[in-house]
Amino acid sequence: MINLDNIDYDVDLSEGVITFKNINTTLAFVRYNETAEVEYIFVNPMFRRQGLAKKLLSIVEEKTKIKPTPQDPISPLGEKLFKINKQGIN
């Protein structure tokens, strides 16, 4: 179990999907392909603004060795996330 700012969660790694979950719920997940294109990224509203999306993207980059990019269409929140991630803000 990982602890991020007092949030305990498990990491489930499967082919093209990374999920953060605890005993009660899914905190966040990302679906991506082998070229690090992110098809879908979700963070439970109760756990937003705590770095989970950036952590997911860093794991995608670690697994693929490629900086993640979004697939179209991209939501306004997704656009903001990738703009921040592109600047390298942690």
PDB file of N, CA and C in Angstrom:
ATOM      1  N   MET A   1       0.831  -1.170   0.000  1.00  0.00           N
ATOM      2  CA  MET A   1       0.000   0.000   0.000  1.00  0.00           C
ATOM      3  C   MET A   1       0.885   1.246   0.000  1.00  0.00           C
ATOM      4  N   ILE A   2       0.506   2.240  -0.794  1.00  0.00           N
ATOM      5  CA  ILE A   2       1.246   3.485  -0.927  1.00  0.00           C
ATOM      6  C   ILE A   2       0.518   4.564  -0.144  1.00  0.00           C
ATOM      7  N   ASN A   3       1.278   5.497   0.426  1.00  0.00           N
ATOM      8  CA  ASN A   3       0.686   6.606   1.149  1.00  0.00           C
ATOM      9  C   ASN A   3       1.113   7.897   0.467  1.00  0.00           C
ATOM     10  N   LEU A   4       0.141   8.681   0.018  1.00  0.00           N
ATOM     11  CA  LEU A   4       0.391   9.972  -0.615  1.00  0.00           C
ATOM     12  C   LEU A   4      -0.435  11.003   0.133  1.00  0.00           C
ATOM     13  N   ASP A   5       0.209  11.852   0.901  1.00  0.00           N
ATOM     14  CA  ASP A   5      -0.503  12.875   1.680  1.00  0.00           C
ATOM     15  C   ASP A   5      -1.652  12.277   2.482  1.00  0.00           C
ATOM     16  N   ASN A   6      -1.340  11.241   3.238  1.00  0.00           N
ATOM     17  CA  ASN A   6      -2.301  10.585   4.115  1.00  0.00           C
ATOM     18  C   ASN A   6      -3.414   9.843   3.384  1.00  0.00           C
ATOM     19  N   ILE A   7      -3.198   9.506   2.105  1.00  0.00           N
ATOM     20  CA  ILE A   7      -4.138   8.671   1.367  1.00  0.00           C
ATOM     21  C   ILE A   7      -3.451   7.330   1.162  1.00  0.00           C
ATOM     22  N   ASP A   8      -4.010   6.276   1.721  1.00  0.00           N
ATOM     23  CA  ASP A   8      -3.466   4.939   1.512  1.00  0.00           C
ATOM     24  C   ASP A   8      -4.174   4.309   0.317  1.00  0.00           C
ATOM     25  N   TYR A   9      -3.384   3.761  -0.624  1.00  0.00           N
ATOM     26  CA  TYR A   9      -3.999   3.109  -1.778  1.00  0.00           C
ATOM     27  C   TYR A   9      -3.065   2.046  -2.342  1.00  0.00           C
ATOM     28  N   ASP A  10      -3.662   1.116  -3.055  1.00  0.00           N
ATOM     29  CA  ASP A  10      -2.928   0.081  -3.769  1.00  0.00           C
ATOM     30  C   ASP A  10      -2.832   0.477  -5.229  1.00  0.00           C
ATOM     31  N   VAL A  11      -1.790  -0.003  -5.901  1.00  0.00           N
ATOM     32  CA  VAL A  11      -1.597   0.248  -7.324  1.00  0.00           C
ATOM     33  C   VAL A  11      -1.786  -1.068  -8.059  1.00  0.00           C
ATOM     34  N   ASP A  12      -2.704  -1.067  -9.018  1.00  0.00           N
ATOM     35  CA  ASP A  12      -2.955  -2.242  -9.845  1.00  0.00           C
ATOM     36  C   ASP A  12      -2.446  -1.941 -11.251  1.00  0.00           C
ATOM     37  N   LEU A  13      -1.435  -2.683 -11.686  1.00  0.00           N
ATOM     38  CA  LEU A  13      -0.856  -2.505 -13.013  1.00  0.00           C
ATOM     39  C   LEU A  13      -1.297  -3.653 -13.902  1.00  0.00           C
ATOM     40  N   SER A  14      -1.957  -3.327 -15.000  1.00  0.00           N
ATOM     41  CA  SER A  14      -2.290  -4.338 -15.997  1.00  0.00           C
ATOM     42  C   SER A  14      -1.958  -3.754 -17.362  1.00  0.00           C
ATOM     43  N   GLU A  15      -2.088  -4.536 -18.396  1.00  0.00           N
ATOM     44  CA  GLU A  15      -1.708  -4.097 -19.734  1.00  0.00           C
ATOM     45  C   GLU A  15      -2.521  -2.880 -20.160  1.00  0.00           C
ATOM     46  N   GLY A  16      -1.879  -1.713 -20.198  1.00  0.00           N
ATOM     47  CA  GLY A  16      -2.522  -0.496 -20.667  1.00  0.00           C
ATOM     48  C   GLY A  16      -3.416   0.207 -19.670  1.00  0.00           C
ATOM     49  N   VAL A  17      -3.459  -0.276 -18.431  1.00  0.00           N
ATOM     50  CA  VAL A  17      -4.302   0.357 -17.416  1.00  0.00           C
ATOM     51  C   VAL A  17      -3.559   0.371 -16.082  1.00  0.00           C
ATOM     52  N   ILE A  18      -3.590   1.516 -15.412  1.00  0.00           N
ATOM     53  CA  ILE A  18      -3.037   1.651 -14.066  1.00  0.00           C
ATOM     54  C   ILE A  18      -4.171   2.171 -13.187  1.00  0.00           C
ATOM     55  N   THR A  19      -4.396   1.505 -12.069  1.00  0.00           N
ATOM     56  CA  THR A  19      -5.485   1.876 -11.172  1.00  0.00           C
ATOM     57  C   THR A  19      -4.960   2.083  -9.762  1.00  0.00           C
ATOM     58  N   PHE A  20      -5.380   3.166  -9.140  1.00  0.00           N
ATOM     59  CA  PHE A  20      -5.125   3.408  -7.720  1.00  0.00           C
ATOM     60  C   PHE A  20      -6.441   3.142  -7.007  1.00  0.00           C
ATOM     61  N   LYS A  21      -6.419   2.260  -6.010  1.00  0.00           N
ATOM     62  CA  LYS A  21      -7.658   1.962  -5.301  1.00  0.00           C
ATOM     63  C   LYS A  21      -7.362   1.677  -3.840  1.00  0.00           C
ATOM     64  N   ASN A  22      -8.373   1.883  -3.023  1.00  0.00           N
ATOM     65  CA  ASN A  22      -8.271   1.501  -1.624  1.00  0.00           C
ATOM     66  C   ASN A  22      -9.350   0.466  -1.351  1.00  0.00           C
ATOM     67  N   ILE A  23      -9.569   0.140  -0.110  1.00  0.00           N
ATOM     68  CA  ILE A  23     -10.531  -0.904   0.233  1.00  0.00           C
ATOM     69  C   ILE A  23     -11.963  -0.527  -0.153  1.00  0.00           C
ATOM     70  N   ASN A  24     -12.237   0.770  -0.261  1.00  0.00           N
ATOM     71  CA  ASN A  24     -13.602   1.236  -0.504  1.00  0.00           C
ATOM     72  C   ASN A  24     -13.924   1.625  -1.941  1.00  0.00           C
ATOM     73  N   THR A  25     -12.924   2.142  -2.675  1.00  0.00           N
ATOM     74  CA  THR A  25     -13.251   2.732  -3.972  1.00  0.00           C
ATOM     75  C   THR A  25     -12.023   2.831  -4.878  1.00  0.00           C
ATOM     76  N   THR A  26     -12.273   3.152  -6.130  1.00  0.00           N
ATOM     77  CA  THR A  26     -11.204   3.502  -7.064  1.00  0.00           C
ATOM     78  C   THR A  26     -10.907   4.981  -6.886  1.00  0.00           C
ATOM     79  N   LEU A  27      -9.644   5.282  -6.614  1.00  0.00           N
ATOM     80  CA  LEU A  27      -9.239   6.675  -6.450  1.00  0.00           C
ATOM     81  C   LEU A  27      -8.978   7.326  -7.805  1.00  0.00           C
ATOM     82  N   ALA A  28      -8.292   6.573  -8.697  1.00  0.00           N
ATOM     83  CA  ALA A  28      -7.925   7.122  -9.997  1.00  0.00           C
ATOM     84  C   ALA A  28      -7.486   5.990 -10.919  1.00  0.00           C
ATOM     85  N   PHE A  29      -7.593   6.224 -12.228  1.00  0.00           N
ATOM     86  CA  PHE A  29      -7.033   5.268 -13.177  1.00  0.00           C
ATOM     87  C   PHE A  29      -6.713   5.959 -14.488  1.00  0.00           C
ATOM     88  N   VAL A  30      -5.850   5.312 -15.251  1.00  0.00           N
ATOM     89  CA  VAL A  30      -5.489   5.803 -16.575  1.00  0.00           C
ATOM     90  C   VAL A  30      -5.470   4.616 -17.533  1.00  0.00           C
ATOM     91  N   ARG A  31      -5.941   4.860 -18.761  1.00  0.00           N
ATOM     92  CA  ARG A  31      -5.878   3.870 -19.833  1.00  0.00           C
ATOM     93  C   ARG A  31      -4.992   4.471 -20.918  1.00  0.00           C
ATOM     94  N   TYR A  32      -3.996   3.709 -21.364  1.00  0.00           N
ATOM     95  CA  TYR A  32      -3.015   4.237 -22.318  1.00  0.00           C
ATOM     96  C   TYR A  32      -2.577   3.128 -23.262  1.00  0.00           C
ATOM     97  N   ASN A  33      -1.893   3.519 -24.358  1.00  0.00           N
ATOM     98  CA  ASN A  33      -1.380   2.511 -25.297  1.00  0.00           C
ATOM     99  C   ASN A  33       0.147   2.469 -25.252  1.00  0.00           C
ATOM    100  N   GLU A  34       0.738   1.640 -26.082  1.00  0.00           N
ATOM    101  CA  GLU A  34       2.188   1.415 -26.046  1.00  0.00           C
ATOM    102  C   GLU A  34       3.005   2.630 -26.478  1.00  0.00           C
ATOM    103  N   THR A  35       2.349   3.615 -27.122  1.00  0.00           N
ATOM    104  CA  THR A  35       3.052   4.842 -27.494  1.00  0.00           C
ATOM    105  C   THR A  35       2.762   5.976 -26.512  1.00  0.00           C
ATOM    106  N   ALA A  36       2.255   5.617 -25.333  1.00  0.00           N
ATOM    107  CA  ALA A  36       1.977   6.543 -24.222  1.00  0.00           C
ATOM    108  C   ALA A  36       0.878   7.548 -24.532  1.00  0.00           C
ATOM    109  N   GLU A  37       0.009   7.217 -25.503  1.00  0.00           N
ATOM    110  CA  GLU A  37      -1.162   8.056 -25.736  1.00  0.00           C
ATOM    111  C   GLU A  37      -2.199   7.705 -24.674  1.00  0.00           C
ATOM    112  N   VAL A  38      -2.655   8.708 -23.953  1.00  0.00           N
ATOM    113  CA  VAL A  38      -3.637   8.498 -22.888  1.00  0.00           C
ATOM    114  C   VAL A  38      -5.037   8.573 -23.492  1.00  0.00           C
ATOM    115  N   GLU A  39      -5.727   7.450 -23.421  1.00  0.00           N
ATOM    116  CA  GLU A  39      -7.095   7.375 -23.928  1.00  0.00           C
ATOM    117  C   GLU A  39      -8.072   7.965 -22.916  1.00  0.00           C
ATOM    118  N   TYR A  40      -7.823   7.690 -21.631  1.00  0.00           N
ATOM    119  CA  TYR A  40      -8.737   8.137 -20.593  1.00  0.00           C
ATOM    120  C   TYR A  40      -7.994   8.226 -19.272  1.00  0.00           C
ATOM    121  N   ILE A  41      -8.225   9.290 -18.538  1.00  0.00           N
ATOM    122  CA  ILE A  41      -7.663   9.417 -17.198  1.00  0.00           C
ATOM    123  C   ILE A  41      -8.779   9.940 -16.300  1.00  0.00           C
ATOM    124  N   PHE A  42      -8.909   9.351 -15.135  1.00  0.00           N
ATOM    125  CA  PHE A  42      -9.981   9.712 -14.214  1.00  0.00           C
ATOM    126  C   PHE A  42      -9.438   9.766 -12.804  1.00  0.00           C
ATOM    127  N   VAL A  43      -9.837  10.801 -12.060  1.00  0.00           N
ATOM    128  CA  VAL A  43      -9.558  10.878 -10.631  1.00  0.00           C
ATOM    129  C   VAL A  43     -10.897  11.123  -9.938  1.00  0.00           C
ATOM    130  N   ASN A  44     -11.203  10.281  -8.970  1.00  0.00           N
ATOM    131  CA  ASN A  44     -12.413  10.417  -8.181  1.00  0.00           C
ATOM    132  C   ASN A  44     -12.467  11.840  -7.616  1.00  0.00           C
ATOM    133  N   PRO A  45     -13.601  12.539  -7.757  1.00  0.00           N
ATOM    134  CA  PRO A  45     -13.676  13.918  -7.271  1.00  0.00           C
ATOM    135  C   PRO A  45     -13.259  14.097  -5.807  1.00  0.00           C
ATOM    136  N   MET A  46     -13.465  13.095  -4.981  1.00  0.00           N
ATOM    137  CA  MET A  46     -13.074  13.196  -3.568  1.00  0.00           C
ATOM    138  C   MET A  46     -11.554  13.240  -3.379  1.00  0.00           C
ATOM    139  N   PHE A  47     -10.806  12.813  -4.420  1.00  0.00           N
ATOM    140  CA  PHE A  47      -9.347  12.712  -4.297  1.00  0.00           C
ATOM    141  C   PHE A  47      -8.604  13.617  -5.277  1.00  0.00           C
ATOM    142  N   ARG A  48      -9.300  14.556  -5.882  1.00  0.00           N
ATOM    143  CA  ARG A  48      -8.664  15.462  -6.841  1.00  0.00           C
ATOM    144  C   ARG A  48      -7.783  16.485  -6.138  1.00  0.00           C
ATOM    145  N   ARG A  49      -6.861  17.075  -6.911  1.00  0.00           N
ATOM    146  CA  ARG A  49      -5.945  18.124  -6.443  1.00  0.00           C
ATOM    147  C   ARG A  49      -4.972  17.612  -5.387  1.00  0.00           C
ATOM    148  N   GLN A  50      -4.630  16.309  -5.498  1.00  0.00           N
ATOM    149  CA  GLN A  50      -3.693  15.716  -4.557  1.00  0.00           C
ATOM    150  C   GLN A  50      -2.529  15.030  -5.279  1.00  0.00           C
ATOM    151  N   GLY A  51      -2.403  15.270  -6.580  1.00  0.00           N
ATOM    152  CA  GLY A  51      -1.270  14.745  -7.333  1.00  0.00           C
ATOM    153  C   GLY A  51      -1.447  13.359  -7.914  1.00  0.00           C
ATOM    154  N   LEU A  52      -2.649  12.781  -7.829  1.00  0.00           N
ATOM    155  CA  LEU A  52      -2.835  11.416  -8.329  1.00  0.00           C
ATOM    156  C   LEU A  52      -2.720  11.332  -9.852  1.00  0.00           C
ATOM    157  N   ALA A  53      -3.296  12.285 -10.578  1.00  0.00           N
ATOM    158  CA  ALA A  53      -3.212  12.254 -12.046  1.00  0.00           C
ATOM    159  C   ALA A  53      -1.763  12.378 -12.507  1.00  0.00           C
ATOM    160  N   LYS A  54      -1.016  13.279 -11.884  1.00  0.00           N
ATOM    161  CA  LYS A  54       0.398  13.434 -12.253  1.00  0.00           C
ATOM    162  C   LYS A  54       1.185  12.168 -11.926  1.00  0.00           C
ATOM    163  N   LYS A  55       0.840  11.531 -10.813  1.00  0.00           N
ATOM    164  CA  LYS A  55       1.502  10.273 -10.445  1.00  0.00           C
ATOM    165  C   LYS A  55       1.190   9.189 -11.479  1.00  0.00           C
ATOM    166  N   LEU A  56      -0.068   9.106 -11.918  1.00  0.00           N
ATOM    167  CA  LEU A  56      -0.430   8.141 -12.962  1.00  0.00           C
ATOM    168  C   LEU A  56       0.376   8.388 -14.236  1.00  0.00           C
ATOM    169  N   LEU A  57       0.456   9.653 -14.646  1.00  0.00           N
ATOM    170  CA  LEU A  57       1.205   9.970 -15.866  1.00  0.00           C
ATOM    171  C   LEU A  57       2.687   9.651 -15.717  1.00  0.00           C
ATOM    172  N   SER A  58       3.232   9.832 -14.539  1.00  0.00           N
ATOM    173  CA  SER A  58       4.649   9.501 -14.348  1.00  0.00           C
ATOM    174  C   SER A  58       4.870   7.990 -14.434  1.00  0.00           C
ATOM    175  N   ILE A  59       3.910   7.207 -13.986  1.00  0.00           N
ATOM    176  CA  ILE A  59       4.034   5.744 -14.113  1.00  0.00           C
ATOM    177  C   ILE A  59       3.916   5.330 -15.573  1.00  0.00           C
ATOM    178  N   VAL A  60       3.010   5.968 -16.322  1.00  0.00           N
ATOM    179  CA  VAL A  60       2.896   5.685 -17.764  1.00  0.00           C
ATOM    180  C   VAL A  60       4.232   5.965 -18.439  1.00  0.00           C
ATOM    181  N   GLU A  61       4.840   7.097 -18.121  1.00  0.00           N
ATOM    182  CA  GLU A  61       6.132   7.445 -18.718  1.00  0.00           C
ATOM    183  C   GLU A  61       7.209   6.444 -18.315  1.00  0.00           C
ATOM    184  N   GLU A  62       7.195   6.037 -17.070  1.00  0.00           N
ATOM    185  CA  GLU A  62       8.166   5.055 -16.582  1.00  0.00           C
ATOM    186  C   GLU A  62       8.020   3.712 -17.309  1.00  0.00           C
ATOM    187  N   LYS A  63       6.781   3.282 -17.538  1.00  0.00           N
ATOM    188  CA  LYS A  63       6.539   1.990 -18.187  1.00  0.00           C
ATOM    189  C   LYS A  63       6.820   2.018 -19.690  1.00  0.00           C
ATOM    190  N   THR A  64       6.492   3.141 -20.359  1.00  0.00           N
ATOM    191  CA  THR A  64       6.636   3.207 -21.818  1.00  0.00           C
ATOM    192  C   THR A  64       7.933   3.873 -22.265  1.00  0.00           C
ATOM    193  N   LYS A  65       8.592   4.590 -21.354  1.00  0.00           N
ATOM    194  CA  LYS A  65       9.798   5.374 -21.687  1.00  0.00           C
ATOM    195  C   LYS A  65       9.496   6.504 -22.664  1.00  0.00           C
ATOM    196  N   ILE A  66       8.215   6.927 -22.701  1.00  0.00           N
ATOM    197  CA  ILE A  66       7.767   8.005 -23.581  1.00  0.00           C
ATOM    198  C   ILE A  66       6.901   8.947 -22.750  1.00  0.00           C
ATOM    199  N   LYS A  67       7.050  10.257 -22.954  1.00  0.00           N
ATOM    200  CA  LYS A  67       6.219  11.220 -22.240  1.00  0.00           C
ATOM    201  C   LYS A  67       4.770  11.084 -22.733  1.00  0.00           C
ATOM    202  N   PRO A  68       3.818  10.910 -21.817  1.00  0.00           N
ATOM    203  CA  PRO A  68       2.412  10.719 -22.220  1.00  0.00           C
ATOM    204  C   PRO A  68       1.825  11.928 -22.941  1.00  0.00           C
ATOM    205  N   THR A  69       0.959  11.644 -23.905  1.00  0.00           N
ATOM    206  CA  THR A  69       0.218  12.663 -24.633  1.00  0.00           C
ATOM    207  C   THR A  69      -1.245  12.248 -24.663  1.00  0.00           C
ATOM    208  N   PRO A  70      -2.157  13.202 -24.732  1.00  0.00           N
ATOM    209  CA  PRO A  70      -3.580  12.859 -24.754  1.00  0.00           C
ATOM    210  C   PRO A  70      -4.058  12.493 -26.155  1.00  0.00           C
ATOM    211  N   GLN A  71      -5.038  11.598 -26.207  1.00  0.00           N
ATOM    212  CA  GLN A  71      -5.732  11.327 -27.460  1.00  0.00           C
ATOM    213  C   GLN A  71      -6.888  12.313 -27.570  1.00  0.00           C
ATOM    214  N   ASP A  72      -7.290  12.640 -28.777  1.00  0.00           N
ATOM    215  CA  ASP A  72      -8.466  13.499 -28.991  1.00  0.00           C
ATOM    216  C   ASP A  72      -9.726  12.655 -28.840  1.00  0.00           C
ATOM    217  N   PRO A  73     -10.830  13.210 -28.411  1.00  0.00           N
ATOM    218  CA  PRO A  73     -10.990  14.569 -27.922  1.00  0.00           C
ATOM    219  C   PRO A  73     -10.496  14.678 -26.487  1.00  0.00           C
ATOM    220  N   ILE A  74     -10.140  15.876 -26.080  1.00  0.00           N
ATOM    221  CA  ILE A  74      -9.634  16.086 -24.723  1.00  0.00           C
ATOM    222  C   ILE A  74     -10.551  17.078 -23.996  1.00  0.00           C
ATOM    223  N   SER A  75     -10.869  16.764 -22.768  1.00  0.00           N
ATOM    224  CA  SER A  75     -11.744  17.618 -21.964  1.00  0.00           C
ATOM    225  C   SER A  75     -10.976  18.847 -21.484  1.00  0.00           C
ATOM    226  N   PRO A  76     -11.689  19.873 -21.033  1.00  0.00           N
ATOM    227  CA  PRO A  76     -11.002  21.046 -20.483  1.00  0.00           C
ATOM    228  C   PRO A  76     -10.100  20.699 -19.299  1.00  0.00           C
ATOM    229  N   LEU A  77     -10.548  19.802 -18.409  1.00  0.00           N
ATOM    230  CA  LEU A  77      -9.699  19.402 -17.285  1.00  0.00           C
ATOM    231  C   LEU A  77      -8.481  18.625 -17.768  1.00  0.00           C
ATOM    232  N   GLY A  78      -8.675  17.770 -18.764  1.00  0.00           N
ATOM    233  CA  GLY A  78      -7.554  17.019 -19.323  1.00  0.00           C
ATOM    234  C   GLY A  78      -6.545  17.934 -19.987  1.00  0.00           C
ATOM    235  N   GLU A  79      -7.054  18.930 -20.693  1.00  0.00           N
ATOM    236  CA  GLU A  79      -6.175  19.901 -21.346  1.00  0.00           C
ATOM    237  C   GLU A  79      -5.323  20.631 -20.312  1.00  0.00           C
ATOM    238  N   LYS A  80      -5.952  21.016 -19.208  1.00  0.00           N
ATOM    239  CA  LYS A  80      -5.232  21.697 -18.137  1.00  0.00           C
ATOM    240  C   LYS A  80      -4.163  20.781 -17.533  1.00  0.00           C
ATOM    241  N   LEU A  81      -4.514  19.523 -17.300  1.00  0.00           N
ATOM    242  CA  LEU A  81      -3.569  18.556 -16.739  1.00  0.00           C
ATOM    243  C   LEU A  81      -2.346  18.394 -17.638  1.00  0.00           C
ATOM    244  N   PHE A  82      -2.570  18.199 -18.928  1.00  0.00           N
ATOM    245  CA  PHE A  82      -1.443  17.980 -19.828  1.00  0.00           C
ATOM    246  C   PHE A  82      -0.627  19.247 -20.037  1.00  0.00           C
ATOM    247  N   LYS A  83      -1.252  20.406 -19.954  1.00  0.00           N
ATOM    248  CA  LYS A  83      -0.504  21.664 -20.042  1.00  0.00           C
ATOM    249  C   LYS A  83       0.413  21.793 -18.827  1.00  0.00           C
ATOM    250  N   ILE A  84      -0.106  21.496 -17.641  1.00  0.00           N
ATOM    251  CA  ILE A  84       0.698  21.546 -16.425  1.00  0.00           C
ATOM    252  C   ILE A  84       1.792  20.496 -16.474  1.00  0.00           C
ATOM    253  N   ASN A  85       1.462  19.289 -16.886  1.00  0.00           N
ATOM    254  CA  ASN A  85       2.435  18.200 -16.951  1.00  0.00           C
ATOM    255  C   ASN A  85       3.548  18.506 -17.958  1.00  0.00           C
ATOM    256  N   LYS A  86       3.193  19.161 -19.059  1.00  0.00           N
ATOM    257  CA  LYS A  86       4.168  19.519 -20.088  1.00  0.00           C
ATOM    258  C   LYS A  86       5.197  20.513 -19.545  1.00  0.00           C
ATOM    259  N   GLN A  87       4.753  21.380 -18.639  1.00  0.00           N
ATOM    260  CA  GLN A  87       5.657  22.351 -18.026  1.00  0.00           C
ATOM    261  C   GLN A  87       6.557  21.717 -16.982  1.00  0.00           C
ATOM    262  N   GLY A  88       6.257  20.478 -16.607  1.00  0.00           N
ATOM    263  CA  GLY A  88       7.098  19.784 -15.645  1.00  0.00           C
ATOM    264  C   GLY A  88       6.849  20.178 -14.205  1.00  0.00           C
ATOM    265  N   ILE A  89       5.649  20.686 -13.926  1.00  0.00           N
ATOM    266  CA  ILE A  89       5.308  21.057 -12.554  1.00  0.00           C
ATOM    267  C   ILE A  89       4.913  19.791 -11.808  1.00  0.00           C
ATOM    268  N   ASN A  90       5.502  19.566 -10.648  1.00  0.00           N
ATOM    269  CA  ASN A  90       5.164  18.386  -9.848  1.00  0.00           C
ATOM    270  C   ASN A  90       4.352  18.762  -8.661  1.00  0.00           C
TER     271      ASN A  90
END
